Amino acid sequence: TEIKNKLTENAENESIKVFSKNLKPYIL
């Protein structure tokens, strides 16, 4: 459970970074 949670947390953070990087130039 701990490993899955840690992997998921890291993956979510990376996914949010990807989203943010894509969103700003799209809006601008």
mmCIF file of all heavy atoms, coordinates in Angstrom:
data_MODEL
# 
_entry.id   MODEL 
# 
loop_
_atom_site.group_PDB 
_atom_site.id 
_atom_site.type_symbol 
_atom_site.label_atom_id 
_atom_site.label_alt_id 
_atom_site.label_comp_id 
_atom_site.label_asym_id 
_atom_site.label_entity_id 
_atom_site.label_seq_id 
_atom_site.pdbx_PDB_ins_code 
_atom_site.Cartn_x 
_atom_site.Cartn_y 
_atom_site.Cartn_z 
_atom_site.occupancy 
_atom_site.B_iso_or_equiv 
_atom_site.pdbx_formal_charge 
_atom_site.auth_seq_id 
_atom_site.auth_comp_id 
_atom_site.auth_asym_id 
_atom_site.auth_atom_id 
_atom_site.pdbx_PDB_model_num 
ATOM 1   N N   . THR A 1 1  ? 0.830  -1.211 0.000   1.00 0.00 ? 1  THR A N   1 
ATOM 2   C CA  . THR A 1 1  ? 0.000  0.000  0.000   1.00 0.00 ? 1  THR A CA  1 
ATOM 3   C C   . THR A 1 1  ? 0.861  1.256  0.000   1.00 0.00 ? 1  THR A C   1 
ATOM 4   O O   . THR A 1 1  ? 0.603  2.212  -0.742  1.00 0.00 ? 1  THR A O   1 
ATOM 5   C CB  . THR A 1 1  ? -0.932 0.002  1.224   1.00 0.00 ? 1  THR A CB  1 
ATOM 6   O OG1 . THR A 1 1  ? -1.752 -1.163 1.185   1.00 0.00 ? 1  THR A OG1 1 
ATOM 7   C CG2 . THR A 1 1  ? -1.820 1.237  1.232   1.00 0.00 ? 1  THR A CG2 1 
ATOM 8   N N   . GLU A 1 2  ? 1.906  1.247  0.821   1.00 0.00 ? 2  GLU A N   1 
ATOM 9   C CA  . GLU A 1 2  ? 2.790  2.413  0.919   1.00 0.00 ? 2  GLU A CA  1 
ATOM 10  C C   . GLU A 1 2  ? 3.488  2.690  -0.419  1.00 0.00 ? 2  GLU A C   1 
ATOM 11  O O   . GLU A 1 2  ? 3.578  3.839  -0.856  1.00 0.00 ? 2  GLU A O   1 
ATOM 12  C CB  . GLU A 1 2  ? 3.846  2.195  2.016   1.00 0.00 ? 2  GLU A CB  1 
ATOM 13  C CG  . GLU A 1 2  ? 3.299  2.389  3.417   1.00 0.00 ? 2  GLU A CG  1 
ATOM 14  C CD  . GLU A 1 2  ? 4.399  2.305  4.480   1.00 0.00 ? 2  GLU A CD  1 
ATOM 15  O OE1 . GLU A 1 2  ? 5.588  2.364  4.105   1.00 0.00 ? 2  GLU A OE1 1 
ATOM 16  O OE2 . GLU A 1 2  ? 4.066  2.175  5.654   1.00 0.00 ? 2  GLU A OE2 1 
ATOM 17  N N   . ILE A 1 3  ? 3.974  1.617  -1.040  1.00 0.00 ? 3  ILE A N   1 
ATOM 18  C CA  . ILE A 1 3  ? 4.676  1.783  -2.325  1.00 0.00 ? 3  ILE A CA  1 
ATOM 19  C C   . ILE A 1 3  ? 3.724  2.295  -3.398  1.00 0.00 ? 3  ILE A C   1 
ATOM 20  O O   . ILE A 1 3  ? 4.041  3.223  -4.147  1.00 0.00 ? 3  ILE A O   1 
ATOM 21  C CB  . ILE A 1 3  ? 5.327  0.452  -2.762  1.00 0.00 ? 3  ILE A CB  1 
ATOM 22  C CG1 . ILE A 1 3  ? 6.508  0.129  -1.840  1.00 0.00 ? 3  ILE A CG1 1 
ATOM 23  C CG2 . ILE A 1 3  ? 5.798  0.523  -4.215  1.00 0.00 ? 3  ILE A CG2 1 
ATOM 24  C CD1 . ILE A 1 3  ? 7.138  -1.226 -2.098  1.00 0.00 ? 3  ILE A CD1 1 
ATOM 25  N N   . LYS A 1 4  ? 2.530  1.697  -3.464  1.00 0.00 ? 4  LYS A N   1 
ATOM 26  C CA  . LYS A 1 4  ? 1.541  2.142  -4.458  1.00 0.00 ? 4  LYS A CA  1 
ATOM 27  C C   . LYS A 1 4  ? 1.166  3.608  -4.231  1.00 0.00 ? 4  LYS A C   1 
ATOM 28  O O   . LYS A 1 4  ? 1.047  4.389  -5.187  1.00 0.00 ? 4  LYS A O   1 
ATOM 29  C CB  . LYS A 1 4  ? 0.288  1.266  -4.385  1.00 0.00 ? 4  LYS A CB  1 
ATOM 30  C CG  . LYS A 1 4  ? 0.423  -0.069 -5.101  1.00 0.00 ? 4  LYS A CG  1 
ATOM 31  C CD  . LYS A 1 4  ? -0.937 -0.758 -5.141  1.00 0.00 ? 4  LYS A CD  1 
ATOM 32  C CE  . LYS A 1 4  ? -0.897 -2.024 -5.986  1.00 0.00 ? 4  LYS A CE  1 
ATOM 33  N NZ  . LYS A 1 4  ? -2.226 -2.657 -6.084  1.00 0.00 ? 4  LYS A NZ  1 
ATOM 34  N N   . ASN A 1 5  ? 0.959  3.958  -2.968  1.00 0.00 ? 5  ASN A N   1 
ATOM 35  C CA  . ASN A 1 5  ? 0.590  5.340  -2.647  1.00 0.00 ? 5  ASN A CA  1 
ATOM 36  C C   . ASN A 1 5  ? 1.707  6.320  -3.033  1.00 0.00 ? 5  ASN A C   1 
ATOM 37  O O   . ASN A 1 5  ? 1.444  7.409  -3.561  1.00 0.00 ? 5  ASN A O   1 
ATOM 38  C CB  . ASN A 1 5  ? 0.275  5.490  -1.158  1.00 0.00 ? 5  ASN A CB  1 
ATOM 39  C CG  . ASN A 1 5  ? -1.055 4.845  -0.789  1.00 0.00 ? 5  ASN A CG  1 
ATOM 40  O OD1 . ASN A 1 5  ? -1.873 4.547  -1.665  1.00 0.00 ? 5  ASN A OD1 1 
ATOM 41  N ND2 . ASN A 1 5  ? -1.281 4.617  0.493   1.00 0.00 ? 5  ASN A ND2 1 
ATOM 42  N N   . LYS A 1 6  ? 2.950  5.916  -2.745  1.00 0.00 ? 6  LYS A N   1 
ATOM 43  C CA  . LYS A 1 6  ? 4.083  6.787  -3.047  1.00 0.00 ? 6  LYS A CA  1 
ATOM 44  C C   . LYS A 1 6  ? 4.245  6.949  -4.556  1.00 0.00 ? 6  LYS A C   1 
ATOM 45  O O   . LYS A 1 6  ? 4.457  8.060  -5.061  1.00 0.00 ? 6  LYS A O   1 
ATOM 46  C CB  . LYS A 1 6  ? 5.371  6.201  -2.444  1.00 0.00 ? 6  LYS A CB  1 
ATOM 47  C CG  . LYS A 1 6  ? 6.586  7.112  -2.571  1.00 0.00 ? 6  LYS A CG  1 
ATOM 48  C CD  . LYS A 1 6  ? 6.397  8.384  -1.772  1.00 0.00 ? 6  LYS A CD  1 
ATOM 49  C CE  . LYS A 1 6  ? 7.630  9.286  -1.866  1.00 0.00 ? 6  LYS A CE  1 
ATOM 50  N NZ  . LYS A 1 6  ? 7.396  10.605 -1.233  1.00 0.00 ? 6  LYS A NZ  1 
ATOM 51  N N   . LEU A 1 7  ? 4.133  5.824  -5.285  1.00 0.00 ? 7  LEU A N   1 
ATOM 52  C CA  . LEU A 1 7  ? 4.232  5.881  -6.741  1.00 0.00 ? 7  LEU A CA  1 
ATOM 53  C C   . LEU A 1 7  ? 3.118  6.757  -7.329  1.00 0.00 ? 7  LEU A C   1 
ATOM 54  O O   . LEU A 1 7  ? 3.357  7.558  -8.232  1.00 0.00 ? 7  LEU A O   1 
ATOM 55  C CB  . LEU A 1 7  ? 4.142  4.469  -7.338  1.00 0.00 ? 7  LEU A CB  1 
ATOM 56  C CG  . LEU A 1 7  ? 5.363  3.562  -7.158  1.00 0.00 ? 7  LEU A CG  1 
ATOM 57  C CD1 . LEU A 1 7  ? 5.037  2.147  -7.628  1.00 0.00 ? 7  LEU A CD1 1 
ATOM 58  C CD2 . LEU A 1 7  ? 6.570  4.098  -7.916  1.00 0.00 ? 7  LEU A CD2 1 
ATOM 59  N N   . THR A 1 8  ? 1.906  6.579  -6.794  1.00 0.00 ? 8  THR A N   1 
ATOM 60  C CA  . THR A 1 8  ? 0.755  7.356  -7.284  1.00 0.00 ? 8  THR A CA  1 
ATOM 61  C C   . THR A 1 8  ? 0.932  8.842  -6.992  1.00 0.00 ? 8  THR A C   1 
ATOM 62  O O   . THR A 1 8  ? 0.657  9.697  -7.840  1.00 0.00 ? 8  THR A O   1 
ATOM 63  C CB  . THR A 1 8  ? -0.548 6.838  -6.656  1.00 0.00 ? 8  THR A CB  1 
ATOM 64  O OG1 . THR A 1 8  ? -0.737 5.475  -7.027  1.00 0.00 ? 8  THR A OG1 1 
ATOM 65  C CG2 . THR A 1 8  ? -1.746 7.652  -7.115  1.00 0.00 ? 8  THR A CG2 1 
ATOM 66  N N   . GLU A 1 9  ? 1.396  9.152  -5.793  1.00 0.00 ? 9  GLU A N   1 
ATOM 67  C CA  . GLU A 1 9  ? 1.611  10.551 -5.418  1.00 0.00 ? 9  GLU A CA  1 
ATOM 68  C C   . GLU A 1 9  ? 2.632  11.216 -6.346  1.00 0.00 ? 9  GLU A C   1 
ATOM 69  O O   . GLU A 1 9  ? 2.421  12.331 -6.836  1.00 0.00 ? 9  GLU A O   1 
ATOM 70  C CB  . GLU A 1 9  ? 2.098  10.636 -3.971  1.00 0.00 ? 9  GLU A CB  1 
ATOM 71  C CG  . GLU A 1 9  ? 2.250  12.073 -3.471  1.00 0.00 ? 9  GLU A CG  1 
ATOM 72  C CD  . GLU A 1 9  ? 2.798  12.154 -2.056  1.00 0.00 ? 9  GLU A CD  1 
ATOM 73  O OE1 . GLU A 1 9  ? 2.970  11.103 -1.408  1.00 0.00 ? 9  GLU A OE1 1 
ATOM 74  O OE2 . GLU A 1 9  ? 3.080  13.277 -1.599  1.00 0.00 ? 9  GLU A OE2 1 
ATOM 75  N N   . ASN A 1 10 ? 3.744  10.505 -6.594  1.00 0.00 ? 10 ASN A N   1 
ATOM 76  C CA  . ASN A 1 10 ? 4.771  11.053 -7.490  1.00 0.00 ? 10 ASN A CA  1 
ATOM 77  C C   . ASN A 1 10 ? 4.228  11.209 -8.907  1.00 0.00 ? 10 ASN A C   1 
ATOM 78  O O   . ASN A 1 10 ? 4.495  12.205 -9.587  1.00 0.00 ? 10 ASN A O   1 
ATOM 79  C CB  . ASN A 1 10 ? 6.001  10.134 -7.507  1.00 0.00 ? 10 ASN A CB  1 
ATOM 80  C CG  . ASN A 1 10 ? 6.752  10.159 -6.183  1.00 0.00 ? 10 ASN A CG  1 
ATOM 81  O OD1 . ASN A 1 10 ? 6.593  11.090 -5.390  1.00 0.00 ? 10 ASN A OD1 1 
ATOM 82  N ND2 . ASN A 1 10 ? 7.556  9.149  -5.927  1.00 0.00 ? 10 ASN A ND2 1 
ATOM 83  N N   . ALA A 1 11 ? 3.442  10.202 -9.343  1.00 0.00 ? 11 ALA A N   1 
ATOM 84  C CA  . ALA A 1 11 ? 2.866  10.254 -10.696 1.00 0.00 ? 11 ALA A CA  1 
ATOM 85  C C   . ALA A 1 11 ? 1.876  11.404 -10.824 1.00 0.00 ? 11 ALA A C   1 
ATOM 86  O O   . ALA A 1 11 ? 1.831  12.095 -11.849 1.00 0.00 ? 11 ALA A O   1 
ATOM 87  C CB  . ALA A 1 11 ? 2.181  8.926  -11.017 1.00 0.00 ? 11 ALA A CB  1 
ATOM 88  N N   . GLU A 1 12 ? 1.067  11.611 -9.789  1.00 0.00 ? 12 GLU A N   1 
ATOM 89  C CA  . GLU A 1 12 ? 0.112  12.724 -9.802  1.00 0.00 ? 12 GLU A CA  1 
ATOM 90  C C   . GLU A 1 12 ? 0.826  14.066 -9.888  1.00 0.00 ? 12 GLU A C   1 
ATOM 91  O O   . GLU A 1 12 ? 0.430  14.940 -10.651 1.00 0.00 ? 12 GLU A O   1 
ATOM 92  C CB  . GLU A 1 12 ? -0.756 12.678 -8.536  1.00 0.00 ? 12 GLU A CB  1 
ATOM 93  C CG  . GLU A 1 12 ? -1.817 11.591 -8.547  1.00 0.00 ? 12 GLU A CG  1 
ATOM 94  C CD  . GLU A 1 12 ? -2.716 11.661 -7.323  1.00 0.00 ? 12 GLU A CD  1 
ATOM 95  O OE1 . GLU A 1 12 ? -2.339 12.349 -6.352  1.00 0.00 ? 12 GLU A OE1 1 
ATOM 96  O OE2 . GLU A 1 12 ? -3.783 11.039 -7.354  1.00 0.00 ? 12 GLU A OE2 1 
ATOM 97  N N   . ASN A 1 13 ? 1.889  14.209 -9.087  1.00 0.00 ? 13 ASN A N   1 
ATOM 98  C CA  . ASN A 1 13 ? 2.637  15.467 -9.094  1.00 0.00 ? 13 ASN A CA  1 
ATOM 99  C C   . ASN A 1 13 ? 3.240  15.745 -10.470 1.00 0.00 ? 13 ASN A C   1 
ATOM 100 O O   . ASN A 1 13 ? 3.220  16.881 -10.954 1.00 0.00 ? 13 ASN A O   1 
ATOM 101 C CB  . ASN A 1 13 ? 3.746  15.441 -8.032  1.00 0.00 ? 13 ASN A CB  1 
ATOM 102 C CG  . ASN A 1 13 ? 3.178  15.488 -6.621  1.00 0.00 ? 13 ASN A CG  1 
ATOM 103 O OD1 . ASN A 1 13 ? 2.062  15.936 -6.413  1.00 0.00 ? 13 ASN A OD1 1 
ATOM 104 N ND2 . ASN A 1 13 ? 3.937  15.006 -5.652  1.00 0.00 ? 13 ASN A ND2 1 
ATOM 105 N N   . GLU A 1 14 ? 3.770  14.686 -11.096 1.00 0.00 ? 14 GLU A N   1 
ATOM 106 C CA  . GLU A 1 14 ? 4.349  14.845 -12.432 1.00 0.00 ? 14 GLU A CA  1 
ATOM 107 C C   . GLU A 1 14 ? 3.265  15.175 -13.458 1.00 0.00 ? 14 GLU A C   1 
ATOM 108 O O   . GLU A 1 14 ? 3.464  15.991 -14.353 1.00 0.00 ? 14 GLU A O   1 
ATOM 109 C CB  . GLU A 1 14 ? 5.097  13.575 -12.847 1.00 0.00 ? 14 GLU A CB  1 
ATOM 110 C CG  . GLU A 1 14 ? 6.452  13.405 -12.189 1.00 0.00 ? 14 GLU A CG  1 
ATOM 111 C CD  . GLU A 1 14 ? 7.389  14.569 -12.462 1.00 0.00 ? 14 GLU A CD  1 
ATOM 112 O OE1 . GLU A 1 14 ? 7.508  14.995 -13.629 1.00 0.00 ? 14 GLU A OE1 1 
ATOM 113 O OE2 . GLU A 1 14 ? 7.978  15.098 -11.496 1.00 0.00 ? 14 GLU A OE2 1 
ATOM 114 N N   . SER A 1 15 ? 2.117  14.497 -13.322 1.00 0.00 ? 15 SER A N   1 
ATOM 115 C CA  . SER A 1 15 ? 1.009  14.735 -14.246 1.00 0.00 ? 15 SER A CA  1 
ATOM 116 C C   . SER A 1 15 ? 0.510  16.170 -14.128 1.00 0.00 ? 15 SER A C   1 
ATOM 117 O O   . SER A 1 15 ? 0.193  16.823 -15.133 1.00 0.00 ? 15 SER A O   1 
ATOM 118 C CB  . SER A 1 15 ? -0.131 13.756 -13.966 1.00 0.00 ? 15 SER A CB  1 
ATOM 119 O OG  . SER A 1 15 ? -1.159 13.892 -14.916 1.00 0.00 ? 15 SER A OG  1 
ATOM 120 N N   . ILE A 1 16 ? 0.433  16.677 -12.904 1.00 0.00 ? 16 ILE A N   1 
ATOM 121 C CA  . ILE A 1 16 ? -0.007 18.055 -12.680 1.00 0.00 ? 16 ILE A CA  1 
ATOM 122 C C   . ILE A 1 16 ? 0.997  19.038 -13.287 1.00 0.00 ? 16 ILE A C   1 
ATOM 123 O O   . ILE A 1 16 ? 0.626  20.064 -13.867 1.00 0.00 ? 16 ILE A O   1 
ATOM 124 C CB  . ILE A 1 16 ? -0.208 18.323 -11.171 1.00 0.00 ? 16 ILE A CB  1 
ATOM 125 C CG1 . ILE A 1 16 ? -1.453 17.571 -10.678 1.00 0.00 ? 16 ILE A CG1 1 
ATOM 126 C CG2 . ILE A 1 16 ? -0.348 19.811 -10.887 1.00 0.00 ? 16 ILE A CG2 1 
ATOM 127 C CD1 . ILE A 1 16 ? -1.637 17.575 -9.180  1.00 0.00 ? 16 ILE A CD1 1 
ATOM 128 N N   . LYS A 1 17 ? 2.297  18.699 -13.185 1.00 0.00 ? 17 LYS A N   1 
ATOM 129 C CA  . LYS A 1 17 ? 3.334  19.545 -13.801 1.00 0.00 ? 17 LYS A CA  1 
ATOM 130 C C   . LYS A 1 17 ? 3.146  19.600 -15.317 1.00 0.00 ? 17 LYS A C   1 
ATOM 131 O O   . LYS A 1 17 ? 3.248  20.659 -15.935 1.00 0.00 ? 17 LYS A O   1 
ATOM 132 C CB  . LYS A 1 17 ? 4.732  18.981 -13.480 1.00 0.00 ? 17 LYS A CB  1 
ATOM 133 C CG  . LYS A 1 17 ? 5.275  19.350 -12.121 1.00 0.00 ? 17 LYS A CG  1 
ATOM 134 C CD  . LYS A 1 17 ? 6.689  18.812 -11.978 1.00 0.00 ? 17 LYS A CD  1 
ATOM 135 C CE  . LYS A 1 17 ? 7.189  18.977 -10.549 1.00 0.00 ? 17 LYS A CE  1 
ATOM 136 N NZ  . LYS A 1 17 ? 8.523  18.360 -10.373 1.00 0.00 ? 17 LYS A NZ  1 
ATOM 137 N N   . VAL A 1 18 ? 2.905  18.407 -15.907 1.00 0.00 ? 18 VAL A N   1 
ATOM 138 C CA  . VAL A 1 18 ? 2.687  18.334 -17.360 1.00 0.00 ? 18 VAL A CA  1 
ATOM 139 C C   . VAL A 1 18 ? 1.485  19.185 -17.745 1.00 0.00 ? 18 VAL A C   1 
ATOM 140 O O   . VAL A 1 18 ? 1.512  19.951 -18.715 1.00 0.00 ? 18 VAL A O   1 
ATOM 141 C CB  . VAL A 1 18 ? 2.474  16.865 -17.811 1.00 0.00 ? 18 VAL A CB  1 
ATOM 142 C CG1 . VAL A 1 18 ? 1.967  16.807 -19.251 1.00 0.00 ? 18 VAL A CG1 1 
ATOM 143 C CG2 . VAL A 1 18 ? 3.767  16.074 -17.685 1.00 0.00 ? 18 VAL A CG2 1 
ATOM 144 N N   . PHE A 1 19 ? 0.418  19.066 -16.950 1.00 0.00 ? 19 PHE A N   1 
ATOM 145 C CA  . PHE A 1 19 ? -0.809 19.823 -17.204 1.00 0.00 ? 19 PHE A CA  1 
ATOM 146 C C   . PHE A 1 19 ? -0.520 21.322 -17.159 1.00 0.00 ? 19 PHE A C   1 
ATOM 147 O O   . PHE A 1 19 ? -0.940 22.083 -18.043 1.00 0.00 ? 19 PHE A O   1 
ATOM 148 C CB  . PHE A 1 19 ? -1.842 19.461 -16.134 1.00 0.00 ? 19 PHE A CB  1 
ATOM 149 C CG  . PHE A 1 19 ? -3.243 19.393 -16.653 1.00 0.00 ? 19 PHE A CG  1 
ATOM 150 C CD1 . PHE A 1 19 ? -4.021 18.273 -16.454 1.00 0.00 ? 19 PHE A CD1 1 
ATOM 151 C CD2 . PHE A 1 19 ? -3.807 20.455 -17.320 1.00 0.00 ? 19 PHE A CD2 1 
ATOM 152 C CE1 . PHE A 1 19 ? -5.319 18.201 -16.922 1.00 0.00 ? 19 PHE A CE1 1 
ATOM 153 C CE2 . PHE A 1 19 ? -5.108 20.413 -17.794 1.00 0.00 ? 19 PHE A CE2 1 
ATOM 154 C CZ  . PHE A 1 19 ? -5.864 19.279 -17.592 1.00 0.00 ? 19 PHE A CZ  1 
ATOM 155 N N   . SER A 1 20 ? 0.191  21.744 -16.119 1.00 0.00 ? 20 SER A N   1 
ATOM 156 C CA  . SER A 1 20 ? 0.495  23.169 -15.951 1.00 0.00 ? 20 SER A CA  1 
ATOM 157 C C   . SER A 1 20 ? 1.342  23.700 -17.103 1.00 0.00 ? 20 SER A C   1 
ATOM 158 O O   . SER A 1 20 ? 1.101  24.791 -17.623 1.00 0.00 ? 20 SER A O   1 
ATOM 159 C CB  . SER A 1 20 ? 1.241  23.393 -14.627 1.00 0.00 ? 20 SER A CB  1 
ATOM 160 O OG  . SER A 1 20 ? 0.449  22.995 -13.537 1.00 0.00 ? 20 SER A OG  1 
ATOM 161 N N   . LYS A 1 21 ? 2.361  22.906 -17.495 1.00 0.00 ? 21 LYS A N   1 
ATOM 162 C CA  . LYS A 1 21 ? 3.240  23.334 -18.588 1.00 0.00 ? 21 LYS A CA  1 
ATOM 163 C C   . LYS A 1 21 ? 2.473  23.462 -19.898 1.00 0.00 ? 21 LYS A C   1 
ATOM 164 O O   . LYS A 1 21 ? 2.768  24.335 -20.714 1.00 0.00 ? 21 LYS A O   1 
ATOM 165 C CB  . LYS A 1 21 ? 4.387  22.326 -18.753 1.00 0.00 ? 21 LYS A CB  1 
ATOM 166 C CG  . LYS A 1 21 ? 5.462  22.429 -17.681 1.00 0.00 ? 21 LYS A CG  1 
ATOM 167 C CD  . LYS A 1 21 ? 6.524  21.360 -17.885 1.00 0.00 ? 21 LYS A CD  1 
ATOM 168 C CE  . LYS A 1 21 ? 7.588  21.434 -16.801 1.00 0.00 ? 21 LYS A CE  1 
ATOM 169 N NZ  . LYS A 1 21 ? 8.578  20.329 -16.940 1.00 0.00 ? 21 LYS A NZ  1 
ATOM 170 N N   . ASN A 1 22 ? 1.502  22.573 -20.108 1.00 0.00 ? 22 ASN A N   1 
ATOM 171 C CA  . ASN A 1 22 ? 0.700  22.624 -21.329 1.00 0.00 ? 22 ASN A CA  1 
ATOM 172 C C   . ASN A 1 22 ? -0.327 23.747 -21.304 1.00 0.00 ? 22 ASN A C   1 
ATOM 173 O O   . ASN A 1 22 ? -0.640 24.347 -22.333 1.00 0.00 ? 22 ASN A O   1 
ATOM 174 C CB  . ASN A 1 22 ? -0.041 21.299 -21.534 1.00 0.00 ? 22 ASN A CB  1 
ATOM 175 C CG  . ASN A 1 22 ? 0.855  20.214 -22.099 1.00 0.00 ? 22 ASN A CG  1 
ATOM 176 O OD1 . ASN A 1 22 ? 1.879  20.503 -22.691 1.00 0.00 ? 22 ASN A OD1 1 
ATOM 177 N ND2 . ASN A 1 22 ? 0.474  18.976 -21.918 1.00 0.00 ? 22 ASN A ND2 1 
ATOM 178 N N   . LEU A 1 23 ? -0.868 24.008 -20.114 1.00 0.00 ? 23 LEU A N   1 
ATOM 179 C CA  . LEU A 1 23 ? -1.990 24.945 -20.002 1.00 0.00 ? 23 LEU A CA  1 
ATOM 180 C C   . LEU A 1 23 ? -1.585 26.386 -20.283 1.00 0.00 ? 23 LEU A C   1 
ATOM 181 O O   . LEU A 1 23 ? -2.281 27.096 -21.024 1.00 0.00 ? 23 LEU A O   1 
ATOM 182 C CB  . LEU A 1 23 ? -2.609 24.841 -18.600 1.00 0.00 ? 23 LEU A CB  1 
ATOM 183 C CG  . LEU A 1 23 ? -3.799 25.760 -18.322 1.00 0.00 ? 23 LEU A CG  1 
ATOM 184 C CD1 . LEU A 1 23 ? -4.950 25.461 -19.272 1.00 0.00 ? 23 LEU A CD1 1 
ATOM 185 C CD2 . LEU A 1 23 ? -4.258 25.622 -16.873 1.00 0.00 ? 23 LEU A CD2 1 
ATOM 186 N N   . LYS A 1 24 ? -0.465 26.832 -19.716 1.00 0.00 ? 24 LYS A N   1 
ATOM 187 C CA  . LYS A 1 24 ? -0.111 28.246 -19.839 1.00 0.00 ? 24 LYS A CA  1 
ATOM 188 C C   . LYS A 1 24 ? 0.080  28.687 -21.289 1.00 0.00 ? 24 LYS A C   1 
ATOM 189 O O   . LYS A 1 24 ? -0.548 29.664 -21.722 1.00 0.00 ? 24 LYS A O   1 
ATOM 190 C CB  . LYS A 1 24 ? 1.133  28.562 -19.006 1.00 0.00 ? 24 LYS A CB  1 
ATOM 191 C CG  . LYS A 1 24 ? 1.435  30.060 -18.977 1.00 0.00 ? 24 LYS A CG  1 
ATOM 192 C CD  . LYS A 1 24 ? 2.417  30.434 -17.896 1.00 0.00 ? 24 LYS A CD  1 
ATOM 193 C CE  . LYS A 1 24 ? 2.579  31.955 -17.830 1.00 0.00 ? 24 LYS A CE  1 
ATOM 194 N NZ  . LYS A 1 24 ? 3.484  32.370 -16.757 1.00 0.00 ? 24 LYS A NZ  1 
ATOM 195 N N   . PRO A 1 25 ? 0.913  27.997 -22.092 1.00 0.00 ? 25 PRO A N   1 
ATOM 196 C CA  . PRO A 1 25 ? 1.033  28.443 -23.492 1.00 0.00 ? 25 PRO A CA  1 
ATOM 197 C C   . PRO A 1 25 ? -0.251 28.280 -24.285 1.00 0.00 ? 25 PRO A C   1 
ATOM 198 O O   . PRO A 1 25 ? -0.481 29.007 -25.257 1.00 0.00 ? 25 PRO A O   1 
ATOM 199 C CB  . PRO A 1 25 ? 2.154  27.548 -24.057 1.00 0.00 ? 25 PRO A CB  1 
ATOM 200 C CG  . PRO A 1 25 ? 2.247  26.388 -23.127 1.00 0.00 ? 25 PRO A CG  1 
ATOM 201 C CD  . PRO A 1 25 ? 1.833  26.896 -21.787 1.00 0.00 ? 25 PRO A CD  1 
ATOM 202 N N   . TYR A 1 26 ? -1.103 27.335 -23.883 1.00 0.00 ? 26 TYR A N   1 
ATOM 203 C CA  . TYR A 1 26 ? -2.384 27.154 -24.561 1.00 0.00 ? 26 TYR A CA  1 
ATOM 204 C C   . TYR A 1 26 ? -3.272 28.369 -24.338 1.00 0.00 ? 26 TYR A C   1 
ATOM 205 O O   . TYR A 1 26 ? -3.908 28.893 -25.265 1.00 0.00 ? 26 TYR A O   1 
ATOM 206 C CB  . TYR A 1 26 ? -3.058 25.886 -24.038 1.00 0.00 ? 26 TYR A CB  1 
ATOM 207 C CG  . TYR A 1 26 ? -4.368 25.542 -24.712 1.00 0.00 ? 26 TYR A CG  1 
ATOM 208 C CD1 . TYR A 1 26 ? -4.460 25.463 -26.095 1.00 0.00 ? 26 TYR A CD1 1 
ATOM 209 C CD2 . TYR A 1 26 ? -5.517 25.290 -23.960 1.00 0.00 ? 26 TYR A CD2 1 
ATOM 210 C CE1 . TYR A 1 26 ? -5.657 25.140 -26.718 1.00 0.00 ? 26 TYR A CE1 1 
ATOM 211 C CE2 . TYR A 1 26 ? -6.714 24.958 -24.570 1.00 0.00 ? 26 TYR A CE2 1 
ATOM 212 C CZ  . TYR A 1 26 ? -6.775 24.890 -25.949 1.00 0.00 ? 26 TYR A CZ  1 
ATOM 213 O OH  . TYR A 1 26 ? -7.962 24.582 -26.564 1.00 0.00 ? 26 TYR A OH  1 
ATOM 214 N N   . ILE A 1 27 ? -3.308 28.851 -23.083 1.00 0.00 ? 27 ILE A N   1 
ATOM 215 C CA  . ILE A 1 27 ? -4.103 30.037 -22.756 1.00 0.00 ? 27 ILE A CA  1 
ATOM 216 C C   . ILE A 1 27 ? -3.504 31.288 -23.402 1.00 0.00 ? 27 ILE A C   1 
ATOM 217 O O   . ILE A 1 27 ? -4.217 32.191 -23.831 1.00 0.00 ? 27 ILE A O   1 
ATOM 218 C CB  . ILE A 1 27 ? -4.188 30.214 -21.226 1.00 0.00 ? 27 ILE A CB  1 
ATOM 219 C CG1 . ILE A 1 27 ? -5.076 29.134 -20.630 1.00 0.00 ? 27 ILE A CG1 1 
ATOM 220 C CG2 . ILE A 1 27 ? -4.731 31.583 -20.850 1.00 0.00 ? 27 ILE A CG2 1 
ATOM 221 C CD1 . ILE A 1 27 ? -5.142 29.162 -19.129 1.00 0.00 ? 27 ILE A CD1 1 
ATOM 222 N N   . LEU A 1 28 ? -2.170 31.318 -23.474 1.00 0.00 ? 28 LEU A N   1 
ATOM 223 C CA  . LEU A 1 28 ? -1.488 32.513 -23.971 1.00 0.00 ? 28 LEU A CA  1 
ATOM 224 C C   . LEU A 1 28 ? -1.232 32.484 -25.480 1.00 0.00 ? 28 LEU A C   1 
ATOM 225 O O   . LEU A 1 28 ? -0.321 33.150 -25.966 1.00 0.00 ? 28 LEU A O   1 
ATOM 226 C CB  . LEU A 1 28 ? -0.156 32.705 -23.229 1.00 0.00 ? 28 LEU A CB  1 
ATOM 227 C CG  . LEU A 1 28 ? -0.271 33.067 -21.751 1.00 0.00 ? 28 LEU A CG  1 
ATOM 228 C CD1 . LEU A 1 28 ? 1.105  33.198 -21.127 1.00 0.00 ? 28 LEU A CD1 1 
ATOM 229 C CD2 . LEU A 1 28 ? -1.057 34.349 -21.545 1.00 0.00 ? 28 LEU A CD2 1 
# 
